[in-house]
Amino acid sequence: MPITEFQCPRCGSEVKMGLPRGAMVKSVTAAEQPAADEERRKARSLVCRNDHEFYVLFEW
C-alpha cells in the first residue's frame, strides 16, 4: 500500500495516507463526505495537524 501525501484544503498542511495499489484519487474536499456510490469507490476521512477534517474519494 503506497503512501500518498495530501494537502488539507483549508490550511495546506500535509497529511499522509496509504492507498491501495493502482488507486485513482477522484476528489479531496473539506465539504461534506462524498458518497462512495460505486462498488470500487471509497471515501476516507482525514484530519490535519490543525484539526481540520477533510475527505479523500478514490477508486481502485
N, C-alpha and C. Protein backbone atom coordinates (compact mmCIF):
# COMPACT_ATOMS: atom_id res chain seq x y z
N MET A 1 0.86 -1.17 0.00
CA MET A 1 0.00 0.00 0.00
C MET A 1 0.91 1.23 0.00
N PRO A 2 1.02 1.90 -1.14
CA PRO A 2 1.86 3.10 -1.20
C PRO A 2 1.29 4.26 -0.38
N ILE A 3 2.19 5.05 0.17
CA ILE A 3 1.80 6.22 0.96
C ILE A 3 1.70 7.42 0.02
N THR A 4 0.62 8.16 0.15
CA THR A 4 0.38 9.35 -0.66
C THR A 4 0.21 10.54 0.27
N GLU A 5 0.75 11.69 -0.13
CA GLU A 5 0.60 12.91 0.66
C GLU A 5 -0.52 13.77 0.07
N PHE A 6 -1.37 14.26 0.94
CA PHE A 6 -2.46 15.14 0.55
C PHE A 6 -2.30 16.46 1.29
N GLN A 7 -2.78 17.54 0.69
CA GLN A 7 -2.78 18.84 1.35
C GLN A 7 -4.17 19.13 1.87
N CYS A 8 -4.24 19.58 3.10
CA CYS A 8 -5.52 19.98 3.69
C CYS A 8 -6.08 21.12 2.84
N PRO A 9 -7.33 21.01 2.40
CA PRO A 9 -7.93 22.08 1.59
C PRO A 9 -8.13 23.38 2.35
N ARG A 10 -8.10 23.34 3.68
CA ARG A 10 -8.31 24.56 4.48
C ARG A 10 -7.03 25.29 4.80
N CYS A 11 -5.97 24.56 5.16
CA CYS A 11 -4.75 25.25 5.60
C CYS A 11 -3.50 24.86 4.83
N GLY A 12 -3.58 23.83 4.00
CA GLY A 12 -2.44 23.44 3.18
C GLY A 12 -1.45 22.51 3.85
N SER A 13 -1.66 22.14 5.12
CA SER A 13 -0.71 21.23 5.77
C SER A 13 -0.82 19.84 5.14
N GLU A 14 0.29 19.11 5.17
CA GLU A 14 0.34 17.80 4.54
C GLU A 14 -0.11 16.70 5.48
N VAL A 15 -0.83 15.74 4.91
CA VAL A 15 -1.31 14.57 5.63
C VAL A 15 -0.98 13.35 4.77
N LYS A 16 -0.44 12.31 5.38
CA LYS A 16 -0.09 11.09 4.65
C LYS A 16 -1.17 10.04 4.87
N MET A 17 -1.43 9.27 3.80
CA MET A 17 -2.42 8.21 3.85
C MET A 17 -2.00 7.11 2.89
N GLY A 18 -2.21 5.87 3.27
CA GLY A 18 -1.95 4.75 2.37
C GLY A 18 -3.13 4.53 1.45
N LEU A 19 -2.84 4.29 0.18
CA LEU A 19 -3.87 3.98 -0.82
C LEU A 19 -3.57 2.62 -1.43
N PRO A 20 -4.59 1.87 -1.81
CA PRO A 20 -4.34 0.60 -2.49
C PRO A 20 -3.57 0.84 -3.79
N ARG A 21 -2.75 -0.13 -4.18
CA ARG A 21 -2.01 -0.01 -5.44
C ARG A 21 -2.97 0.17 -6.60
N GLY A 22 -2.66 1.10 -7.47
CA GLY A 22 -3.49 1.36 -8.64
C GLY A 22 -4.68 2.25 -8.37
N ALA A 23 -4.84 2.75 -7.14
CA ALA A 23 -5.98 3.62 -6.81
C ALA A 23 -5.84 4.96 -7.51
N MET A 24 -6.97 5.52 -7.89
CA MET A 24 -7.01 6.85 -8.50
C MET A 24 -7.83 7.77 -7.61
N VAL A 25 -7.23 8.89 -7.22
CA VAL A 25 -7.92 9.86 -6.38
C VAL A 25 -8.91 10.64 -7.25
N LYS A 26 -10.15 10.68 -6.82
CA LYS A 26 -11.21 11.39 -7.55
C LYS A 26 -11.43 12.80 -7.01
N SER A 27 -11.32 12.97 -5.69
CA SER A 27 -11.50 14.30 -5.12
C SER A 27 -10.93 14.38 -3.71
N VAL A 28 -10.59 15.60 -3.31
CA VAL A 28 -10.17 15.94 -1.96
C VAL A 28 -11.01 17.15 -1.58
N THR A 29 -11.82 17.02 -0.53
CA THR A 29 -12.75 18.10 -0.20
C THR A 29 -12.93 18.26 1.30
N ALA A 30 -13.17 19.50 1.71
CA ALA A 30 -13.47 19.78 3.11
C ALA A 30 -14.98 19.94 3.31
N ALA A 31 -15.74 19.83 2.24
CA ALA A 31 -17.20 19.90 2.34
C ALA A 31 -17.69 18.59 2.96
N GLU A 32 -18.96 18.30 2.84
CA GLU A 32 -19.47 17.07 3.43
C GLU A 32 -18.90 15.84 2.73
N GLN A 33 -18.92 14.72 3.43
CA GLN A 33 -18.32 13.49 2.92
C GLN A 33 -18.98 13.08 1.62
N PRO A 34 -18.18 12.85 0.58
CA PRO A 34 -18.75 12.43 -0.70
C PRO A 34 -19.30 11.01 -0.61
N ALA A 35 -20.29 10.73 -1.43
CA ALA A 35 -20.89 9.40 -1.46
C ALA A 35 -20.01 8.47 -2.28
N ALA A 36 -19.71 7.33 -1.73
CA ALA A 36 -18.96 6.30 -2.45
C ALA A 36 -20.00 5.40 -3.11
N ASP A 37 -20.59 5.89 -4.19
CA ASP A 37 -21.76 5.26 -4.79
C ASP A 37 -21.47 4.07 -5.70
N GLU A 38 -20.22 3.75 -5.91
CA GLU A 38 -19.87 2.60 -6.73
C GLU A 38 -19.10 1.60 -5.89
N GLU A 39 -19.12 0.34 -6.30
CA GLU A 39 -18.51 -0.73 -5.51
C GLU A 39 -17.02 -0.52 -5.27
N ARG A 40 -16.30 -0.01 -6.24
CA ARG A 40 -14.85 0.14 -6.12
C ARG A 40 -14.45 1.56 -5.74
N ARG A 41 -15.37 2.31 -5.18
CA ARG A 41 -15.09 3.68 -4.73
C ARG A 41 -15.18 3.75 -3.22
N LYS A 42 -14.29 4.52 -2.62
CA LYS A 42 -14.28 4.64 -1.16
C LYS A 42 -13.94 6.07 -0.77
N ALA A 43 -14.55 6.56 0.30
CA ALA A 43 -14.24 7.88 0.85
C ALA A 43 -13.62 7.68 2.23
N ARG A 44 -12.48 8.33 2.45
CA ARG A 44 -11.82 8.26 3.76
C ARG A 44 -11.73 9.65 4.37
N SER A 45 -11.92 9.69 5.65
CA SER A 45 -11.83 10.93 6.41
C SER A 45 -10.40 11.08 6.93
N LEU A 46 -9.83 12.26 6.79
CA LEU A 46 -8.51 12.57 7.32
C LEU A 46 -8.60 13.82 8.18
N VAL A 47 -7.68 13.97 9.11
CA VAL A 47 -7.61 15.16 9.95
C VAL A 47 -6.18 15.67 9.92
N CYS A 48 -6.00 16.94 9.60
CA CYS A 48 -4.65 17.51 9.54
C CYS A 48 -4.20 17.91 10.95
N ARG A 49 -2.96 18.36 11.04
CA ARG A 49 -2.40 18.72 12.36
C ARG A 49 -3.10 19.94 12.98
N ASN A 50 -3.89 20.68 12.18
CA ASN A 50 -4.65 21.82 12.70
C ASN A 50 -6.10 21.45 13.00
N ASP A 51 -6.38 20.16 13.08
CA ASP A 51 -7.72 19.62 13.39
C ASP A 51 -8.79 19.93 12.35
N HIS A 52 -8.39 20.10 11.09
CA HIS A 52 -9.36 20.26 10.01
C HIS A 52 -9.67 18.89 9.43
N GLU A 53 -10.93 18.55 9.39
CA GLU A 53 -11.32 17.27 8.80
C GLU A 53 -11.58 17.48 7.31
N PHE A 54 -11.10 16.54 6.49
CA PHE A 54 -11.41 16.56 5.07
C PHE A 54 -11.49 15.14 4.55
N TYR A 55 -11.94 14.98 3.30
CA TYR A 55 -12.22 13.67 2.75
C TYR A 55 -11.48 13.45 1.45
N VAL A 56 -11.04 12.21 1.28
CA VAL A 56 -10.40 11.78 0.04
C VAL A 56 -11.29 10.70 -0.57
N LEU A 57 -11.73 10.93 -1.80
CA LEU A 57 -12.56 9.96 -2.53
C LEU A 57 -11.65 9.31 -3.57
N PHE A 58 -11.60 7.99 -3.57
CA PHE A 58 -10.75 7.29 -4.53
C PHE A 58 -11.44 6.02 -5.02
N GLU A 59 -10.93 5.49 -6.14
CA GLU A 59 -11.41 4.21 -6.62
C GLU A 59 -10.23 3.37 -7.02
N TRP A 60 -10.40 2.06 -7.01
CA TRP A 60 -9.32 1.15 -7.36
C TRP A 60 -9.84 0.02 -8.19
